[in-house]
Amino acid sequence: MKTFKLSGEVRQELGKKATKTLRRAEVVPCVLYGGKENIHFTVTQSDVRKLIYTPDVHIVDLTVGKNQSKAIVKELQFHPVSDKLLHIDFFEVSPDKPVIVEIPVKLTGLAAGVREGGKLNLGMRKLKVKGIYTDLPENIVVDVTKLKLGKSIQVGDLSFDKFELLNTKNAVVAQVKLTRAARGAAAAAEGEEAEGAAETPETTPAAEGEASDN
């Protein structure tokens, strides 16, 4: 996984009044969970912009005062009207403790169904996984080369050695849908086959007792 370096300042005051003051100053209150104790700190809006507004998942090299740790973004809170970032929950990770995160899906290959005129649809942009953070990839790569027209790849069809997928087994990750053009081509092909069969003369065996030309 990609890494992101971030430094924060330890919060000296807690409570709603102090939180409002911080937000007016374009500072984001944060909490780090998962360690020996919870750490309350702040970061600036500009420092976390590239961490938050991206589809990528990062391991955060976090420095708060004298404390250094590795963490993931666990939860974000935004203002319901302005969509401004209000709060970040981080979760500390370690090489011996599995974590649950959502990782982007990346499709690879030209699907067989697309070559037949179908359209490839990505049903799930991210999959929820559980594993040791050092074993987690930047993307979950799904090969669709053999995916035929009208068929799909479900979560239950996928398996990985170093992490576990937690989504519902029958959830559709990708599928090739039949387009109008493909339906028209299929109908035309069926019509040609039927027409060809009608034009072919039928051969019938000679009737018993039919006189010979000789």
C-alpha atoms as a PDB file:
ATOM      1  CA  MET A   1       0.000   0.000   0.000  1.00  0.00           C
ATOM      2  CA  LYS A   2       0.998   3.612  -0.495  1.00  0.00           C
ATOM      3  CA  THR A   3       2.268   5.592   2.469  1.00  0.00           C
ATOM      4  CA  PHE A   4       1.465   9.146   3.522  1.00  0.00           C
ATOM      5  CA  LYS A   5       3.508  11.161   6.009  1.00  0.00           C
ATOM      6  CA  LEU A   6       1.498  13.334   8.378  1.00  0.00           C
ATOM      7  CA  SER A   7       2.368  15.409  11.422  1.00  0.00           C
ATOM      8  CA  GLY A   8      -0.126  16.621  14.002  1.00  0.00           C
ATOM      9  CA  GLU A   9      -0.223  18.752  17.128  1.00  0.00           C
ATOM     10  CA  VAL A  10      -1.379  17.350  20.466  1.00  0.00           C
ATOM     11  CA  ARG A  11      -4.675  18.886  21.548  1.00  0.00           C
ATOM     12  CA  GLN A  12      -4.347  20.861  24.750  1.00  0.00           C
ATOM     13  CA  GLU A  13      -8.073  21.395  25.266  1.00  0.00           C
ATOM     14  CA  LEU A  14     -11.040  19.124  24.562  1.00  0.00           C
ATOM     15  CA  GLY A  15     -14.738  19.834  24.440  1.00  0.00           C
ATOM     16  CA  LYS A  16     -17.228  21.435  22.041  1.00  0.00           C
ATOM     17  CA  LYS A  17     -16.089  25.019  22.587  1.00  0.00           C
ATOM     18  CA  ALA A  18     -12.448  24.194  21.907  1.00  0.00           C
ATOM     19  CA  THR A  19     -13.440  22.115  18.871  1.00  0.00           C
ATOM     20  CA  LYS A  20     -15.402  25.005  17.338  1.00  0.00           C
ATOM     21  CA  THR A  21     -12.432  27.315  17.829  1.00  0.00           C
ATOM     22  CA  LEU A  22     -10.145  24.872  16.050  1.00  0.00           C
ATOM     23  CA  ARG A  23     -12.479  24.483  13.092  1.00  0.00           C
ATOM     24  CA  ARG A  24     -12.789  28.233  12.649  1.00  0.00           C
ATOM     25  CA  ALA A  25      -9.006  28.282  12.362  1.00  0.00           C
ATOM     26  CA  GLU A  26      -9.121  25.695   9.510  1.00  0.00           C
ATOM     27  CA  VAL A  27      -7.777  23.017  11.841  1.00  0.00           C
ATOM     28  CA  VAL A  28      -9.195  19.484  11.898  1.00  0.00           C
ATOM     29  CA  PRO A  29      -9.644  17.638  15.228  1.00  0.00           C
ATOM     30  CA  CYS A  30      -8.461  14.019  15.106  1.00  0.00           C
ATOM     31  CA  VAL A  31      -8.278  10.949  17.337  1.00  0.00           C
ATOM     32  CA  LEU A  32      -5.902   7.997  17.078  1.00  0.00           C
ATOM     33  CA  TYR A  33      -7.408   4.728  18.364  1.00  0.00           C
ATOM     34  CA  GLY A  34      -6.001   1.220  18.648  1.00  0.00           C
ATOM     35  CA  GLY A  35      -2.893   1.902  20.721  1.00  0.00           C
ATOM     36  CA  LYS A  36      -2.276   1.823  24.444  1.00  0.00           C
ATOM     37  CA  GLU A  37      -4.288   5.011  24.814  1.00  0.00           C
ATOM     38  CA  ASN A  38      -6.300   7.299  22.580  1.00  0.00           C
ATOM     39  CA  ILE A  39      -4.409  10.333  21.298  1.00  0.00           C
ATOM     40  CA  HIS A  40      -6.275  13.568  20.535  1.00  0.00           C
ATOM     41  CA  PHE A  41      -4.536  15.861  18.091  1.00  0.00           C
ATOM     42  CA  THR A  42      -5.077  18.279  15.225  1.00  0.00           C
ATOM     43  CA  VAL A  43      -3.946  18.621  11.618  1.00  0.00           C
ATOM     44  CA  THR A  44      -4.466  21.373   9.070  1.00  0.00           C
ATOM     45  CA  GLN A  45      -6.942  21.096   6.206  1.00  0.00           C
ATOM     46  CA  SER A  46      -4.150  21.545   3.670  1.00  0.00           C
ATOM     47  CA  ASP A  47      -1.994  18.788   5.207  1.00  0.00           C
ATOM     48  CA  VAL A  48      -4.666  16.105   4.782  1.00  0.00           C
ATOM     49  CA  ARG A  49      -6.184  17.187   1.471  1.00  0.00           C
ATOM     50  CA  LYS A  50      -4.198  14.671  -0.605  1.00  0.00           C
ATOM     51  CA  LEU A  51      -4.893  11.941   1.950  1.00  0.00           C
ATOM     52  CA  ILE A  52      -8.658  12.439   2.053  1.00  0.00           C
ATOM     53  CA  TYR A  53      -9.678  13.457  -1.454  1.00  0.00           C
ATOM     54  CA  THR A  54      -8.361  10.404  -3.310  1.00  0.00           C
ATOM     55  CA  PRO A  55      -9.652   6.904  -4.131  1.00  0.00           C
ATOM     56  CA  ASP A  56      -6.360   5.426  -2.907  1.00  0.00           C
ATOM     57  CA  VAL A  57      -5.898   3.862   0.521  1.00  0.00           C
ATOM     58  CA  HIS A  58      -2.791   4.850   2.459  1.00  0.00           C
ATOM     59  CA  ILE A  59      -0.817   3.715   5.443  1.00  0.00           C
ATOM     60  CA  VAL A  60      -0.204   6.919   7.379  1.00  0.00           C
ATOM     61  CA  ASP A  61       3.204   7.507   8.946  1.00  0.00           C
ATOM     62  CA  LEU A  62       1.808   9.608  11.774  1.00  0.00           C
ATOM     63  CA  THR A  63       3.841  11.816  14.090  1.00  0.00           C
ATOM     64  CA  VAL A  64       2.092  13.518  17.004  1.00  0.00           C
ATOM     65  CA  GLY A  65       4.465  15.188  19.415  1.00  0.00           C
ATOM     66  CA  LYS A  66       6.949  12.488  20.430  1.00  0.00           C
ATOM     67  CA  ASN A  67       4.614   9.682  19.386  1.00  0.00           C
ATOM     68  CA  GLN A  68       5.217   7.959  16.051  1.00  0.00           C
ATOM     69  CA  SER A  69       2.909   5.298  14.679  1.00  0.00           C
ATOM     70  CA  LYS A  70       1.429   3.785  11.552  1.00  0.00           C
ATOM     71  CA  ALA A  71      -2.282   4.178  11.034  1.00  0.00           C
ATOM     72  CA  ILE A  72      -5.150   4.087   8.566  1.00  0.00           C
ATOM     73  CA  VAL A  73      -8.035   6.507   8.173  1.00  0.00           C
ATOM     74  CA  LYS A  74     -10.974   4.795   9.863  1.00  0.00           C
ATOM     75  CA  GLU A  75     -13.754   7.376   9.648  1.00  0.00           C
ATOM     76  CA  LEU A  76     -14.320  10.863   8.255  1.00  0.00           C
ATOM     77  CA  GLN A  77     -16.916  13.386   9.344  1.00  0.00           C
ATOM     78  CA  PHE A  78     -18.058  16.148   6.953  1.00  0.00           C
ATOM     79  CA  HIS A  79     -20.390  19.104   7.390  1.00  0.00           C
ATOM     80  CA  PRO A  80     -23.835  18.141   6.011  1.00  0.00           C
ATOM     81  CA  VAL A  81     -24.220  21.423   4.081  1.00  0.00           C
ATOM     82  CA  SER A  82     -20.780  22.769   3.203  1.00  0.00           C
ATOM     83  CA  ASP A  83     -19.145  19.301   2.954  1.00  0.00           C
ATOM     84  CA  LYS A  84     -16.196  20.681   4.894  1.00  0.00           C
ATOM     85  CA  LEU A  85     -14.015  18.139   6.700  1.00  0.00           C
ATOM     86  CA  LEU A  86     -14.846  18.244  10.425  1.00  0.00           C
ATOM     87  CA  HIS A  87     -13.143  15.262  12.061  1.00  0.00           C
ATOM     88  CA  ILE A  88     -10.853  12.294  11.335  1.00  0.00           C
ATOM     89  CA  ASP A  89     -10.597   9.017  13.221  1.00  0.00           C
ATOM     90  CA  PHE A  90      -7.317   7.167  12.718  1.00  0.00           C
ATOM     91  CA  PHE A  91      -6.674   3.567  13.741  1.00  0.00           C
ATOM     92  CA  GLU A  92      -3.185   2.404  14.682  1.00  0.00           C
ATOM     93  CA  VAL A  93      -1.927  -0.667  12.806  1.00  0.00           C
ATOM     94  CA  SER A  94       0.819  -3.173  13.542  1.00  0.00           C
ATOM     95  CA  PRO A  95       2.410  -6.172  11.767  1.00  0.00           C
ATOM     96  CA  ASP A  96       0.671  -8.638  14.106  1.00  0.00           C
ATOM     97  CA  LYS A  97      -2.862  -7.213  14.155  1.00  0.00           C
ATOM     98  CA  PRO A  98      -5.285  -7.626  11.200  1.00  0.00           C
ATOM     99  CA  VAL A  99      -7.170  -4.551  10.056  1.00  0.00           C
ATOM    100  CA  ILE A 100     -10.334  -4.072   8.025  1.00  0.00           C
ATOM    101  CA  VAL A 101     -10.173  -1.591   5.159  1.00  0.00           C
ATOM    102  CA  GLU A 102     -11.781  -0.970   1.784  1.00  0.00           C
ATOM    103  CA  ILE A 103      -9.428  -1.298  -1.203  1.00  0.00           C
ATOM    104  CA  PRO A 104     -10.171  -0.091  -4.752  1.00  0.00           C
ATOM    105  CA  VAL A 105     -10.933  -2.662  -7.478  1.00  0.00           C
ATOM    106  CA  LYS A 106      -8.960  -2.569 -10.733  1.00  0.00           C
ATOM    107  CA  LEU A 107     -10.185  -4.551 -13.749  1.00  0.00           C
ATOM    108  CA  THR A 108      -7.638  -5.908 -16.207  1.00  0.00           C
ATOM    109  CA  GLY A 109      -7.931  -7.599 -19.599  1.00  0.00           C
ATOM    110  CA  LEU A 110     -10.387  -7.344 -22.497  1.00  0.00           C
ATOM    111  CA  ALA A 111     -13.514  -9.320 -21.624  1.00  0.00           C
ATOM    112  CA  ALA A 112     -14.668 -11.940 -24.127  1.00  0.00           C
ATOM    113  CA  GLY A 113     -18.182 -10.534 -23.865  1.00  0.00           C
ATOM    114  CA  VAL A 114     -16.976  -7.070 -24.842  1.00  0.00           C
ATOM    115  CA  ARG A 115     -15.479  -8.497 -28.030  1.00  0.00           C
ATOM    116  CA  GLU A 116     -18.959  -9.875 -28.762  1.00  0.00           C
ATOM    117  CA  GLY A 117     -20.519  -6.416 -28.418  1.00  0.00           C
ATOM    118  CA  GLY A 118     -21.323  -6.309 -24.709  1.00  0.00           C
ATOM    119  CA  LYS A 119     -20.512  -3.572 -22.202  1.00  0.00           C
ATOM    120  CA  LEU A 120     -18.297  -4.147 -19.165  1.00  0.00           C
ATOM    121  CA  ASN A 121     -19.673  -2.706 -15.920  1.00  0.00           C
ATOM    122  CA  LEU A 122     -17.781  -2.326 -12.650  1.00  0.00           C
ATOM    123  CA  GLY A 123     -20.277  -3.224  -9.946  1.00  0.00           C
ATOM    124  CA  MET A 124     -18.098  -2.527  -6.882  1.00  0.00           C
ATOM    125  CA  ARG A 125     -15.429   0.163  -6.865  1.00  0.00           C
ATOM    126  CA  LYS A 126     -14.044  -1.024  -3.516  1.00  0.00           C
ATOM    127  CA  LEU A 127     -13.988  -4.309  -1.612  1.00  0.00           C
ATOM    128  CA  LYS A 128     -13.805  -4.687   2.156  1.00  0.00           C
ATOM    129  CA  VAL A 129     -10.827  -6.813   3.190  1.00  0.00           C
ATOM    130  CA  LYS A 130      -9.262  -8.097   6.394  1.00  0.00           C
ATOM    131  CA  GLY A 131      -5.550  -8.735   6.755  1.00  0.00           C
ATOM    132  CA  ILE A 132      -2.174  -7.577   8.037  1.00  0.00           C
ATOM    133  CA  TYR A 133      -1.504  -4.113   6.631  1.00  0.00           C
ATOM    134  CA  THR A 134       1.863  -5.160   5.164  1.00  0.00           C
ATOM    135  CA  ASP A 135       0.066  -7.799   3.052  1.00  0.00           C
ATOM    136  CA  LEU A 136      -2.589  -5.473   1.621  1.00  0.00           C
ATOM    137  CA  PRO A 137      -2.237  -4.288  -2.003  1.00  0.00           C
ATOM    138  CA  GLU A 138      -2.926  -0.836  -3.437  1.00  0.00           C
ATOM    139  CA  ASN A 139      -5.621  -2.333  -5.675  1.00  0.00           C
ATOM    140  CA  ILE A 140      -7.506  -5.604  -5.910  1.00  0.00           C
ATOM    141  CA  VAL A 141      -6.807  -6.702  -9.490  1.00  0.00           C
ATOM    142  CA  VAL A 142      -9.574  -8.704 -11.174  1.00  0.00           C
ATOM    143  CA  ASP A 143      -8.892 -10.320 -14.567  1.00  0.00           C
ATOM    144  CA  VAL A 144     -12.004 -10.165 -16.781  1.00  0.00           C
ATOM    145  CA  THR A 145     -10.465 -11.671 -19.935  1.00  0.00           C
ATOM    146  CA  LYS A 146     -12.648 -14.822 -19.814  1.00  0.00           C
ATOM    147  CA  LEU A 147     -15.830 -13.013 -18.770  1.00  0.00           C
ATOM    148  CA  LYS A 148     -18.493 -13.835 -21.371  1.00  0.00           C
ATOM    149  CA  LEU A 149     -21.535 -11.927 -22.554  1.00  0.00           C
ATOM    150  CA  GLY A 150     -24.252 -11.802 -19.891  1.00  0.00           C
ATOM    151  CA  LYS A 151     -21.950 -13.266 -17.221  1.00  0.00           C
ATOM    152  CA  SER A 152     -20.598 -11.748 -14.006  1.00  0.00           C
ATOM    153  CA  ILE A 153     -17.814 -12.107 -11.463  1.00  0.00           C
ATOM    154  CA  GLN A 154     -19.033 -12.226  -7.869  1.00  0.00           C
ATOM    155  CA  VAL A 155     -17.141 -11.793  -4.620  1.00  0.00           C
ATOM    156  CA  GLY A 156     -17.404 -15.542  -4.023  1.00  0.00           C
ATOM    157  CA  ASP A 157     -15.503 -16.164  -7.261  1.00  0.00           C
ATOM    158  CA  LEU A 158     -12.445 -14.354  -5.905  1.00  0.00           C
ATOM    159  CA  SER A 159      -9.872 -15.586  -3.401  1.00  0.00           C
ATOM    160  CA  PHE A 160      -6.528 -14.278  -2.193  1.00  0.00           C
ATOM    161  CA  ASP A 161      -3.803 -15.881  -0.114  1.00  0.00           C
ATOM    162  CA  LYS A 162      -2.874 -13.025   2.207  1.00  0.00           C
ATOM    163  CA  PHE A 163      -6.193 -11.358   2.972  1.00  0.00           C
ATOM    164  CA  GLU A 164      -9.883 -12.176   3.287  1.00  0.00           C
ATOM    165  CA  LEU A 165     -12.801 -10.576   1.447  1.00  0.00           C
ATOM    166  CA  LEU A 166     -15.644  -9.604   3.765  1.00  0.00           C
ATOM    167  CA  ASN A 167     -18.318  -8.546   1.271  1.00  0.00           C
ATOM    168  CA  THR A 168     -21.398 -10.678   0.574  1.00  0.00           C
ATOM    169  CA  LYS A 169     -20.440 -13.665  -1.589  1.00  0.00           C
ATOM    170  CA  ASN A 170     -23.085 -12.998  -4.239  1.00  0.00           C
ATOM    171  CA  ALA A 171     -22.264  -9.293  -4.625  1.00  0.00           C
ATOM    172  CA  VAL A 172     -21.398  -8.556  -8.274  1.00  0.00           C
ATOM    173  CA  VAL A 173     -17.912  -7.123  -8.782  1.00  0.00           C
ATOM    174  CA  ALA A 174     -18.046  -6.907 -12.590  1.00  0.00           C
ATOM    175  CA  GLN A 175     -20.340  -8.061 -15.388  1.00  0.00           C
ATOM    176  CA  VAL A 176     -20.708  -7.855 -19.153  1.00  0.00           C
ATOM    177  CA  LYS A 177     -24.166  -6.604 -20.043  1.00  0.00           C
ATOM    178  CA  LEU A 178     -25.905  -7.232 -23.337  1.00  0.00           C
ATOM    179  CA  THR A 179     -26.259  -3.927 -25.190  1.00  0.00           C
ATOM    180  CA  ARG A 180     -28.995  -3.026 -27.692  1.00  0.00           C
ATOM    181  CA  ALA A 181     -26.486  -3.334 -30.525  1.00  0.00           C
ATOM    182  CA  ALA A 182     -25.481  -6.811 -29.342  1.00  0.00           C
ATOM    183  CA  ARG A 183     -29.147  -7.849 -29.053  1.00  0.00           C
ATOM    184  CA  GLY A 184     -29.758  -6.597 -32.604  1.00  0.00           C
ATOM    185  CA  ALA A 185     -26.755  -8.466 -33.953  1.00  0.00           C
ATOM    186  CA  ALA A 186     -27.841 -11.645 -32.181  1.00  0.00           C
ATOM    187  CA  ALA A 187     -31.391 -11.325 -33.535  1.00  0.00           C
ATOM    188  CA  ALA A 188     -30.074 -10.698 -37.059  1.00  0.00           C
ATOM    189  CA  ALA A 189     -27.826 -13.747 -36.838  1.00  0.00           C
ATOM    190  CA  GLU A 190     -30.742 -15.893 -35.698  1.00  0.00           C
ATOM    191  CA  GLY A 191     -32.861 -14.544 -38.572  1.00  0.00           C
ATOM    192  CA  GLU A 192     -30.184 -15.396 -41.131  1.00  0.00           C
ATOM    193  CA  GLU A 193     -29.899 -18.917 -39.758  1.00  0.00           C
ATOM    194  CA  ALA A 194     -33.664 -19.405 -39.963  1.00  0.00           C
ATOM    195  CA  GLU A 195     -33.787 -18.024 -43.511  1.00  0.00           C
ATOM    196  CA  GLY A 196     -30.934 -20.267 -44.600  1.00  0.00           C
ATOM    197  CA  ALA A 197     -32.681 -23.296 -43.185  1.00  0.00           C
ATOM    198  CA  ALA A 198     -35.894 -22.417 -45.059  1.00  0.00           C
ATOM    199  CA  GLU A 199     -34.110 -22.114 -48.412  1.00  0.00           C
ATOM    200  CA  THR A 200     -32.433 -25.501 -48.135  1.00  0.00           C
ATOM    201  CA  PRO A 201     -34.459 -28.067 -50.219  1.00  0.00           C
ATOM    202  CA  GLU A 202     -35.663 -31.051 -48.337  1.00  0.00           C
ATOM    203  CA  THR A 203     -34.695 -34.480 -49.634  1.00  0.00           C
ATOM    204  CA  THR A 204     -37.112 -37.341 -49.198  1.00  0.00           C
ATOM    205  CA  PRO A 205     -36.411 -41.009 -49.717  1.00  0.00           C
ATOM    206  CA  ALA A 206     -37.933 -42.738 -52.779  1.00  0.00           C
ATOM    207  CA  ALA A 207     -41.298 -44.335 -52.125  1.00  0.00           C
ATOM    208  CA  GLU A 208     -41.412 -48.068 -51.787  1.00  0.00           C
ATOM    209  CA  GLY A 209     -42.332 -49.791 -55.007  1.00  0.00           C
ATOM    210  CA  GLU A 210     -41.457 -46.735 -57.206  1.00  0.00           C
ATOM    211  CA  ALA A 211     -40.702 -47.918 -60.712  1.00  0.00           C
ATOM    212  CA  SER A 212     -37.144 -47.863 -61.916  1.00  0.00           C
ATOM    213  CA  ASP A 213     -36.153 -45.775 -64.939  1.00  0.00           C
ATOM    214  CA  ASN A 214     -34.644 -48.894 -66.455  1.00  0.00           C
END
